[in-house]
N, C-alpha and C. Protein backbone atom coordinates (compact mmCIF):
# COMPACT_ATOMS: atom_id res chain seq x y z
N MET A 1 18.31 -7.38 1.56
CA MET A 1 17.33 -6.57 2.26
C MET A 1 16.25 -6.09 1.29
N ALA A 2 15.07 -5.89 1.83
CA ALA A 2 13.98 -5.32 1.03
C ALA A 2 14.29 -3.85 0.76
N GLU A 3 13.70 -3.33 -0.31
CA GLU A 3 13.97 -1.95 -0.69
C GLU A 3 12.67 -1.18 -0.92
N LEU A 4 12.71 0.10 -0.64
CA LEU A 4 11.59 1.01 -0.84
C LEU A 4 12.11 2.25 -1.53
N HIS A 5 11.42 2.62 -2.62
CA HIS A 5 11.81 3.81 -3.37
C HIS A 5 10.60 4.76 -3.36
N VAL A 6 10.82 5.97 -2.86
CA VAL A 6 9.76 6.99 -2.81
C VAL A 6 10.15 8.10 -3.78
N ILE A 7 9.34 8.27 -4.82
CA ILE A 7 9.60 9.28 -5.85
C ILE A 7 8.35 10.14 -5.96
N GLY A 8 8.52 11.43 -6.10
CA GLY A 8 7.36 12.28 -6.26
C GLY A 8 7.70 13.74 -6.14
N SER A 9 6.70 14.53 -5.72
CA SER A 9 6.94 15.96 -5.58
C SER A 9 5.98 16.59 -4.58
N LEU A 10 6.46 17.67 -3.98
CA LEU A 10 5.59 18.56 -3.21
C LEU A 10 4.97 19.48 -4.25
N VAL A 11 3.72 19.25 -4.57
CA VAL A 11 3.07 19.98 -5.66
C VAL A 11 2.86 21.44 -5.29
N GLY A 12 2.26 21.70 -4.11
CA GLY A 12 2.02 23.08 -3.70
C GLY A 12 1.14 23.17 -2.48
N GLY A 13 0.75 24.40 -2.15
CA GLY A 13 -0.08 24.64 -0.99
C GLY A 13 -1.20 25.60 -1.32
N ARG A 14 -2.32 25.43 -0.64
CA ARG A 14 -3.51 26.25 -0.89
C ARG A 14 -4.21 26.55 0.42
N GLY A 15 -4.81 27.75 0.52
CA GLY A 15 -5.64 28.11 1.66
C GLY A 15 -4.90 28.79 2.80
N PHE A 16 -3.64 29.11 2.62
CA PHE A 16 -2.85 29.74 3.68
C PHE A 16 -3.08 31.26 3.68
N SER A 17 -2.97 31.87 4.86
CA SER A 17 -3.22 33.31 4.98
C SER A 17 -2.08 34.14 4.40
N LEU A 18 -0.88 33.61 4.40
CA LEU A 18 0.26 34.32 3.81
C LEU A 18 0.35 33.99 2.33
N ALA A 19 0.83 34.94 1.55
CA ALA A 19 0.86 34.74 0.10
C ALA A 19 2.19 34.16 -0.39
N ASN A 20 3.28 34.61 0.13
CA ASN A 20 4.61 34.22 -0.34
C ASN A 20 5.07 32.99 0.44
N LEU A 21 4.90 31.78 -0.12
CA LEU A 21 5.07 30.55 0.64
C LEU A 21 6.23 29.68 0.17
N PHE A 22 6.86 29.00 1.13
CA PHE A 22 7.81 27.94 0.84
C PHE A 22 7.63 26.84 1.87
N CYS A 23 8.19 25.66 1.61
CA CYS A 23 7.97 24.50 2.48
C CYS A 23 9.28 23.81 2.81
N LYS A 24 9.49 23.56 4.10
CA LYS A 24 10.60 22.73 4.56
C LYS A 24 10.04 21.34 4.80
N TRP A 25 10.73 20.30 4.34
CA TRP A 25 10.21 18.94 4.46
C TRP A 25 11.31 17.98 4.89
N SER A 26 10.89 16.89 5.51
CA SER A 26 11.82 15.81 5.85
C SER A 26 11.05 14.50 5.91
N LEU A 27 11.70 13.44 5.51
CA LEU A 27 11.16 12.09 5.64
C LEU A 27 11.77 11.47 6.90
N GLU A 28 10.92 11.14 7.86
CA GLU A 28 11.40 10.56 9.11
C GLU A 28 11.09 9.08 9.12
N THR A 29 12.07 8.28 9.53
CA THR A 29 11.90 6.84 9.56
C THR A 29 12.41 6.27 10.88
N GLY A 30 12.09 5.01 11.12
CA GLY A 30 12.58 4.31 12.29
C GLY A 30 13.94 3.69 12.01
N SER A 31 14.42 2.93 12.98
CA SER A 31 15.76 2.34 12.89
C SER A 31 15.85 1.20 11.87
N ASN A 32 14.71 0.69 11.40
CA ASN A 32 14.73 -0.38 10.39
C ASN A 32 15.06 0.12 8.99
N PHE A 33 15.09 1.43 8.79
CA PHE A 33 15.29 2.01 7.47
C PHE A 33 16.67 2.65 7.36
N ARG A 34 17.30 2.45 6.19
CA ARG A 34 18.60 3.06 5.91
C ARG A 34 18.54 3.68 4.51
N VAL A 35 18.95 4.94 4.40
CA VAL A 35 18.93 5.63 3.10
C VAL A 35 20.07 5.10 2.25
N LEU A 36 19.72 4.58 1.05
CA LEU A 36 20.73 4.12 0.10
C LEU A 36 21.14 5.25 -0.84
N GLN A 37 20.14 5.97 -1.33
CA GLN A 37 20.39 7.10 -2.24
C GLN A 37 19.32 8.15 -2.03
N GLY A 38 19.67 9.38 -2.37
CA GLY A 38 18.70 10.46 -2.30
C GLY A 38 18.84 11.28 -1.03
N THR A 39 18.01 12.29 -0.95
CA THR A 39 18.00 13.21 0.17
C THR A 39 16.68 13.08 0.91
N SER A 40 16.74 12.96 2.21
CA SER A 40 15.53 12.77 3.00
C SER A 40 15.01 14.06 3.62
N GLN A 41 15.54 15.20 3.21
CA GLN A 41 15.02 16.49 3.68
C GLN A 41 15.37 17.57 2.67
N GLY A 42 14.64 18.68 2.75
CA GLY A 42 14.91 19.76 1.83
C GLY A 42 13.99 20.95 2.04
N GLN A 43 14.09 21.89 1.13
CA GLN A 43 13.27 23.10 1.18
C GLN A 43 12.93 23.52 -0.25
N THR A 44 11.68 23.94 -0.45
CA THR A 44 11.24 24.37 -1.76
C THR A 44 11.66 25.82 -2.00
N HIS A 45 11.42 26.28 -3.21
CA HIS A 45 11.59 27.70 -3.50
C HIS A 45 10.36 28.46 -2.98
N CYS A 46 10.42 29.76 -3.02
CA CYS A 46 9.32 30.61 -2.55
C CYS A 46 8.44 30.97 -3.75
N ASP A 47 7.13 30.79 -3.61
CA ASP A 47 6.20 31.11 -4.69
C ASP A 47 5.23 32.19 -4.22
N PHE A 48 4.96 33.14 -5.08
CA PHE A 48 4.03 34.23 -4.78
C PHE A 48 2.87 34.13 -5.77
N PRO A 49 1.84 33.35 -5.42
CA PRO A 49 0.72 33.16 -6.35
C PRO A 49 -0.24 34.35 -6.33
N ASN A 50 -1.06 34.45 -7.38
CA ASN A 50 -2.13 35.45 -7.39
C ASN A 50 -3.18 35.04 -6.37
N ALA A 51 -4.10 35.96 -6.07
CA ALA A 51 -5.14 35.69 -5.09
C ALA A 51 -5.94 34.44 -5.47
N ASP A 52 -6.25 33.61 -4.49
CA ASP A 52 -7.05 32.38 -4.64
C ASP A 52 -6.41 31.33 -5.55
N GLU A 53 -5.12 31.42 -5.78
CA GLU A 53 -4.41 30.39 -6.55
C GLU A 53 -3.52 29.59 -5.61
N MET A 54 -3.19 28.39 -6.03
CA MET A 54 -2.30 27.54 -5.25
C MET A 54 -0.86 28.00 -5.42
N ALA A 55 -0.10 28.00 -4.32
CA ALA A 55 1.34 28.22 -4.40
C ALA A 55 1.94 26.95 -5.00
N VAL A 56 2.63 27.08 -6.11
CA VAL A 56 3.16 25.92 -6.82
C VAL A 56 4.66 25.79 -6.53
N TRP A 57 5.03 24.62 -5.98
CA TRP A 57 6.44 24.36 -5.70
C TRP A 57 7.02 23.32 -6.66
N SER A 58 6.30 22.27 -6.94
CA SER A 58 6.78 21.16 -7.79
C SER A 58 8.20 20.75 -7.40
N HIS A 59 8.42 20.60 -6.11
CA HIS A 59 9.74 20.25 -5.59
C HIS A 59 9.90 18.73 -5.57
N PRO A 60 10.98 18.21 -6.17
CA PRO A 60 11.13 16.75 -6.27
C PRO A 60 11.48 16.08 -4.94
N ILE A 61 10.97 14.87 -4.78
CA ILE A 61 11.33 13.99 -3.66
C ILE A 61 11.77 12.68 -4.30
N ASP A 62 12.95 12.20 -3.94
CA ASP A 62 13.47 10.96 -4.51
C ASP A 62 14.40 10.31 -3.49
N VAL A 63 13.90 9.31 -2.78
CA VAL A 63 14.67 8.64 -1.74
C VAL A 63 14.56 7.12 -1.92
N HIS A 64 15.68 6.45 -1.75
CA HIS A 64 15.77 5.00 -1.89
C HIS A 64 16.22 4.42 -0.54
N TYR A 65 15.40 3.54 0.04
CA TYR A 65 15.69 2.95 1.35
C TYR A 65 15.95 1.46 1.24
N ALA A 66 16.78 0.95 2.14
CA ALA A 66 16.86 -0.49 2.43
C ALA A 66 16.20 -0.66 3.79
N LEU A 67 15.41 -1.73 3.95
CA LEU A 67 14.70 -1.89 5.22
C LEU A 67 14.66 -3.33 5.68
N LYS A 68 14.57 -3.49 7.01
CA LYS A 68 14.49 -4.81 7.64
C LYS A 68 13.05 -5.19 7.95
N GLY A 69 12.22 -4.20 8.24
CA GLY A 69 10.81 -4.42 8.59
C GLY A 69 10.07 -3.10 8.44
N ILE A 70 8.75 -3.15 8.61
CA ILE A 70 7.97 -1.93 8.36
C ILE A 70 7.83 -1.04 9.59
N GLU A 71 8.32 -1.48 10.74
CA GLU A 71 8.25 -0.62 11.92
C GLU A 71 9.07 0.64 11.67
N GLY A 72 8.46 1.80 11.90
CA GLY A 72 9.12 3.07 11.61
C GLY A 72 8.94 3.49 10.17
N TRP A 73 7.82 3.08 9.54
CA TRP A 73 7.54 3.42 8.15
C TRP A 73 7.68 4.93 7.94
N PRO A 74 8.16 5.39 6.79
CA PRO A 74 8.43 6.81 6.58
C PRO A 74 7.20 7.71 6.72
N ARG A 75 7.42 8.85 7.35
CA ARG A 75 6.42 9.91 7.49
C ARG A 75 7.02 11.17 6.89
N LEU A 76 6.21 11.88 6.17
CA LEU A 76 6.64 13.14 5.57
C LEU A 76 6.25 14.28 6.51
N ARG A 77 7.24 14.91 7.12
CA ARG A 77 7.00 16.03 8.03
C ARG A 77 7.16 17.33 7.24
N LEU A 78 6.17 18.20 7.35
CA LEU A 78 6.13 19.41 6.54
C LEU A 78 6.00 20.65 7.42
N GLU A 79 6.70 21.70 7.03
CA GLU A 79 6.57 23.02 7.65
C GLU A 79 6.41 24.03 6.53
N VAL A 80 5.28 24.71 6.49
CA VAL A 80 5.06 25.74 5.47
C VAL A 80 5.32 27.10 6.12
N TRP A 81 6.15 27.88 5.47
CA TRP A 81 6.50 29.21 5.96
C TRP A 81 6.12 30.23 4.90
N GLY A 82 5.87 31.43 5.33
CA GLY A 82 5.54 32.51 4.42
C GLY A 82 6.29 33.77 4.78
N ILE A 83 6.34 34.68 3.85
CA ILE A 83 6.99 35.97 4.08
C ILE A 83 5.91 37.04 4.09
N ASP A 84 5.83 37.78 5.20
CA ASP A 84 4.78 38.80 5.33
C ASP A 84 5.18 40.10 4.64
N GLN A 85 4.33 41.13 4.75
CA GLN A 85 4.56 42.39 4.06
C GLN A 85 5.79 43.14 4.58
N PHE A 86 6.31 42.75 5.75
CA PHE A 86 7.51 43.37 6.31
C PHE A 86 8.75 42.51 6.08
N ASP A 87 8.65 41.53 5.18
CA ASP A 87 9.74 40.60 4.83
C ASP A 87 10.21 39.75 6.00
N ARG A 88 9.30 39.40 6.90
CA ARG A 88 9.59 38.50 8.00
C ARG A 88 9.09 37.11 7.65
N CYS A 89 9.88 36.10 7.99
CA CYS A 89 9.44 34.71 7.80
C CYS A 89 8.53 34.33 8.95
N GLU A 90 7.32 33.89 8.62
CA GLU A 90 6.35 33.48 9.63
C GLU A 90 5.85 32.08 9.32
N LEU A 91 5.55 31.35 10.35
CA LEU A 91 5.00 30.01 10.19
C LEU A 91 3.60 30.09 9.60
N ALA A 92 3.37 29.33 8.53
CA ALA A 92 2.03 29.25 7.94
C ALA A 92 1.33 27.97 8.40
N GLY A 93 2.08 26.90 8.66
CA GLY A 93 1.45 25.68 9.14
C GLY A 93 2.40 24.49 9.15
N TYR A 94 2.04 23.51 9.97
CA TYR A 94 2.74 22.23 10.03
C TYR A 94 1.83 21.15 9.45
N GLY A 95 2.43 20.08 8.95
CA GLY A 95 1.66 18.96 8.46
C GLY A 95 2.48 17.69 8.53
N CYS A 96 1.79 16.56 8.54
CA CYS A 96 2.47 15.26 8.56
C CYS A 96 1.63 14.27 7.78
N SER A 97 2.28 13.48 6.95
CA SER A 97 1.58 12.47 6.17
C SER A 97 2.43 11.20 6.13
N ILE A 98 1.80 10.08 6.38
CA ILE A 98 2.50 8.80 6.28
C ILE A 98 2.62 8.44 4.80
N VAL A 99 3.80 8.01 4.39
CA VAL A 99 3.99 7.56 3.01
C VAL A 99 3.11 6.32 2.82
N PRO A 100 2.32 6.28 1.75
CA PRO A 100 1.43 5.12 1.53
C PRO A 100 2.22 3.81 1.50
N THR A 101 1.61 2.76 2.04
CA THR A 101 2.29 1.46 2.10
C THR A 101 2.08 0.63 0.84
N SER A 102 1.10 0.99 0.03
CA SER A 102 0.85 0.22 -1.19
C SER A 102 1.63 0.82 -2.35
N PRO A 103 2.21 -0.03 -3.19
CA PRO A 103 2.95 0.47 -4.34
C PRO A 103 2.02 1.18 -5.32
N GLY A 104 2.56 2.15 -6.04
CA GLY A 104 1.78 2.87 -7.05
C GLY A 104 1.84 4.37 -6.85
N MET A 105 1.05 5.06 -7.67
CA MET A 105 0.99 6.52 -7.64
C MET A 105 -0.09 6.96 -6.66
N HIS A 106 0.23 7.97 -5.84
CA HIS A 106 -0.71 8.45 -4.83
C HIS A 106 -0.75 9.98 -4.83
N GLU A 107 -1.97 10.52 -4.81
CA GLU A 107 -2.20 11.96 -4.65
C GLU A 107 -2.62 12.17 -3.20
N ILE A 108 -1.90 13.00 -2.47
CA ILE A 108 -2.17 13.21 -1.05
C ILE A 108 -2.46 14.68 -0.80
N CYS A 109 -3.51 14.93 -0.02
CA CYS A 109 -3.82 16.30 0.42
C CYS A 109 -3.62 16.30 1.94
N CYS A 110 -2.57 16.94 2.39
CA CYS A 110 -2.21 16.95 3.81
C CYS A 110 -2.71 18.25 4.45
N PRO A 111 -3.63 18.16 5.41
CA PRO A 111 -4.09 19.38 6.08
C PRO A 111 -3.00 19.96 6.97
N ALA A 112 -2.87 21.27 6.95
CA ALA A 112 -1.86 21.95 7.75
C ALA A 112 -2.52 22.64 8.94
N TRP A 113 -1.76 22.78 10.02
CA TRP A 113 -2.23 23.41 11.24
C TRP A 113 -1.08 24.16 11.88
N ARG A 114 -1.42 25.02 12.80
CA ARG A 114 -0.39 25.68 13.59
C ARG A 114 -0.93 25.90 15.00
N PRO A 115 -0.03 26.05 15.97
CA PRO A 115 -0.49 26.29 17.34
C PRO A 115 -1.22 27.62 17.42
N SER A 116 -2.34 27.65 18.12
CA SER A 116 -3.07 28.92 18.26
C SER A 116 -2.53 29.73 19.43
N GLY A 117 -1.92 29.09 20.39
CA GLY A 117 -1.31 29.80 21.50
C GLY A 117 -2.32 30.24 22.55
N THR A 118 -1.79 30.87 23.57
CA THR A 118 -2.63 31.39 24.65
C THR A 118 -3.27 32.69 24.19
N LEU A 119 -4.17 33.23 25.00
CA LEU A 119 -4.82 34.51 24.68
C LEU A 119 -3.78 35.61 24.53
N ARG A 120 -2.78 35.61 25.39
CA ARG A 120 -1.72 36.62 25.31
C ARG A 120 -0.95 36.50 24.00
N GLU A 121 -0.62 35.27 23.60
CA GLU A 121 0.09 35.06 22.34
C GLU A 121 -0.77 35.45 21.14
N GLN A 122 -2.08 35.21 21.22
CA GLN A 122 -2.97 35.60 20.13
C GLN A 122 -3.04 37.11 19.99
N LEU A 123 -3.09 37.83 21.12
CA LEU A 123 -3.08 39.30 21.07
C LEU A 123 -1.75 39.82 20.52
N SER A 124 -0.67 39.21 20.93
CA SER A 124 0.65 39.59 20.42
C SER A 124 0.73 39.36 18.91
N THR A 125 0.20 38.25 18.44
CA THR A 125 0.17 37.95 17.01
C THR A 125 -0.64 39.00 16.25
N PHE A 126 -1.78 39.37 16.80
CA PHE A 126 -2.65 40.34 16.14
C PHE A 126 -1.99 41.71 16.02
N PHE A 127 -1.35 42.19 17.10
CA PHE A 127 -0.80 43.54 17.09
C PHE A 127 0.65 43.63 16.60
N LEU A 128 1.45 42.61 16.87
CA LEU A 128 2.87 42.67 16.53
C LEU A 128 3.29 41.76 15.38
N GLY A 129 2.45 40.81 15.03
CA GLY A 129 2.82 39.84 14.01
C GLY A 129 3.57 38.68 14.64
N GLY A 130 3.93 37.73 13.85
CA GLY A 130 4.59 36.53 14.37
C GLY A 130 3.54 35.60 14.96
N VAL A 131 3.74 34.33 14.83
CA VAL A 131 2.81 33.34 15.37
C VAL A 131 3.59 32.38 16.26
N PRO A 132 2.91 31.73 17.20
CA PRO A 132 3.61 30.73 18.02
C PRO A 132 4.12 29.58 17.16
N THR A 133 5.30 29.09 17.49
CA THR A 133 5.88 27.94 16.81
C THR A 133 6.21 26.86 17.83
N LEU A 134 6.49 25.67 17.36
CA LEU A 134 6.83 24.57 18.25
C LEU A 134 8.32 24.60 18.58
N LYS A 135 8.65 24.36 19.85
CA LYS A 135 10.05 24.26 20.25
C LYS A 135 10.64 22.91 19.82
N HIS A 136 9.82 21.87 19.93
CA HIS A 136 10.27 20.52 19.60
C HIS A 136 9.51 20.03 18.37
N LYS A 137 10.19 19.93 17.24
CA LYS A 137 9.55 19.57 15.97
C LYS A 137 9.10 18.12 15.92
N GLU A 138 9.56 17.27 16.84
CA GLU A 138 9.15 15.86 16.84
C GLU A 138 7.64 15.72 17.04
N VAL A 139 7.03 16.73 17.67
CA VAL A 139 5.59 16.68 17.95
C VAL A 139 4.78 16.63 16.65
N ILE A 140 5.31 17.18 15.58
CA ILE A 140 4.60 17.22 14.30
C ILE A 140 4.26 15.81 13.82
N SER A 141 5.23 14.91 13.89
CA SER A 141 5.03 13.57 13.35
C SER A 141 4.72 12.53 14.41
N SER A 142 4.68 12.92 15.67
CA SER A 142 4.36 12.00 16.75
C SER A 142 2.97 12.33 17.29
N SER A 143 2.09 11.35 17.30
CA SER A 143 0.72 11.61 17.76
C SER A 143 0.58 11.52 19.28
N THR A 144 1.62 11.12 19.98
CA THR A 144 1.50 10.92 21.43
C THR A 144 1.31 12.23 22.19
N ASP A 145 2.01 13.28 21.83
CA ASP A 145 1.91 14.55 22.55
C ASP A 145 1.08 15.59 21.83
N ARG A 146 0.74 15.36 20.59
CA ARG A 146 0.05 16.36 19.79
C ARG A 146 -1.37 16.65 20.29
N TYR A 147 -1.99 15.70 20.94
CA TYR A 147 -3.38 15.88 21.37
C TYR A 147 -3.52 17.01 22.39
N ARG A 148 -2.44 17.37 23.08
CA ARG A 148 -2.51 18.43 24.09
C ARG A 148 -2.46 19.83 23.49
N LEU A 149 -2.09 19.95 22.25
CA LEU A 149 -1.94 21.26 21.62
C LEU A 149 -3.28 21.86 21.24
N GLN A 150 -3.39 23.17 21.38
CA GLN A 150 -4.53 23.90 20.83
C GLN A 150 -4.08 24.45 19.49
N THR A 151 -4.76 24.04 18.43
CA THR A 151 -4.32 24.39 17.08
C THR A 151 -5.45 25.00 16.28
N GLU A 152 -5.07 25.55 15.12
CA GLU A 152 -6.04 26.06 14.16
C GLU A 152 -5.63 25.59 12.77
N SER A 153 -6.62 25.32 11.94
CA SER A 153 -6.35 24.89 10.56
C SER A 153 -5.85 26.08 9.76
N THR A 154 -4.91 25.81 8.85
CA THR A 154 -4.35 26.92 8.08
C THR A 154 -4.41 26.73 6.57
N GLY A 155 -4.40 25.52 6.07
CA GLY A 155 -4.41 25.30 4.63
C GLY A 155 -4.17 23.84 4.31
N ASP A 156 -3.91 23.55 3.05
CA ASP A 156 -3.65 22.19 2.59
C ASP A 156 -2.38 22.14 1.76
N ILE A 157 -1.64 21.05 1.93
CA ILE A 157 -0.42 20.81 1.17
C ILE A 157 -0.69 19.64 0.24
N HIS A 158 -0.43 19.82 -1.05
CA HIS A 158 -0.70 18.80 -2.05
C HIS A 158 0.61 18.09 -2.42
N ILE A 159 0.56 16.76 -2.35
CA ILE A 159 1.74 15.93 -2.56
C ILE A 159 1.41 14.84 -3.58
N ARG A 160 2.34 14.54 -4.45
CA ARG A 160 2.21 13.43 -5.39
C ARG A 160 3.39 12.49 -5.16
N LEU A 161 3.09 11.24 -4.78
CA LEU A 161 4.15 10.27 -4.49
C LEU A 161 3.94 8.97 -5.27
N CYS A 162 5.03 8.41 -5.73
CA CYS A 162 5.03 7.09 -6.34
C CYS A 162 5.86 6.19 -5.43
N VAL A 163 5.26 5.11 -4.97
CA VAL A 163 5.93 4.19 -4.04
C VAL A 163 6.27 2.91 -4.79
N LEU A 164 7.54 2.54 -4.75
CA LEU A 164 8.02 1.31 -5.38
C LEU A 164 8.61 0.40 -4.32
N THR A 165 8.22 -0.85 -4.30
CA THR A 165 8.77 -1.81 -3.36
C THR A 165 9.53 -2.89 -4.14
N LYS A 166 10.56 -3.42 -3.49
CA LYS A 166 11.36 -4.46 -4.14
C LYS A 166 11.70 -5.53 -3.11
N GLU A 167 11.42 -6.77 -3.47
CA GLU A 167 11.79 -7.95 -2.69
C GLU A 167 11.18 -7.97 -1.29
N PHE A 168 10.00 -7.40 -1.12
CA PHE A 168 9.31 -7.45 0.17
C PHE A 168 8.96 -8.90 0.52
N ALA A 169 8.39 -9.64 -0.43
CA ALA A 169 7.99 -11.03 -0.17
C ALA A 169 9.19 -11.92 0.09
N ARG A 170 10.25 -11.73 -0.63
CA ARG A 170 11.46 -12.55 -0.49
C ARG A 170 12.05 -12.45 0.92
N PHE A 171 12.01 -11.26 1.49
CA PHE A 171 12.59 -11.05 2.82
C PHE A 171 11.55 -11.05 3.94
N GLY A 172 10.32 -11.44 3.62
CA GLY A 172 9.29 -11.58 4.63
C GLY A 172 8.72 -10.28 5.18
N VAL A 173 8.83 -9.21 4.41
CA VAL A 173 8.28 -7.93 4.84
C VAL A 173 6.84 -7.84 4.33
N GLN A 174 5.90 -7.67 5.24
CA GLN A 174 4.48 -7.58 4.87
C GLN A 174 3.91 -6.24 5.30
N CYS A 175 3.18 -5.62 4.38
CA CYS A 175 2.53 -4.34 4.68
C CYS A 175 1.07 -4.56 4.96
């Protein structure tokens, strides 16, 4: 079988309204992919940067896949959370990035967004805190239903990935 190795890190996040940030991440794939080694999901530590500085996570990503074809190519699903002044965890933003198909080192800036909610939810957010979140997380990495959401931009997530392919030509896998 052909093999794909994704090595890199979640470098950090910038532009979010909350200061104390951490990121939950997962690599989602189709049925053609099987994890040989590594972890396909995780969570970073919490960073409290100074004003106008990037939250630095430098969280490692290292996953090794065996694959039959490129259908269901890996997508990196991201959820950035922050801790407010009352020590409550609040959503800072969602993001999704497709793992590059070309081998080599890649710097990725993934824009983050969150649901803006209805007028009632926006008033509740303003006076009580808390922001609307998604009930079904599949919407983050699936473009079919996402177009119906009303969202707002929240910040950027910086990712550094190195993609290694092995025996793609031998097994007839073309990107």
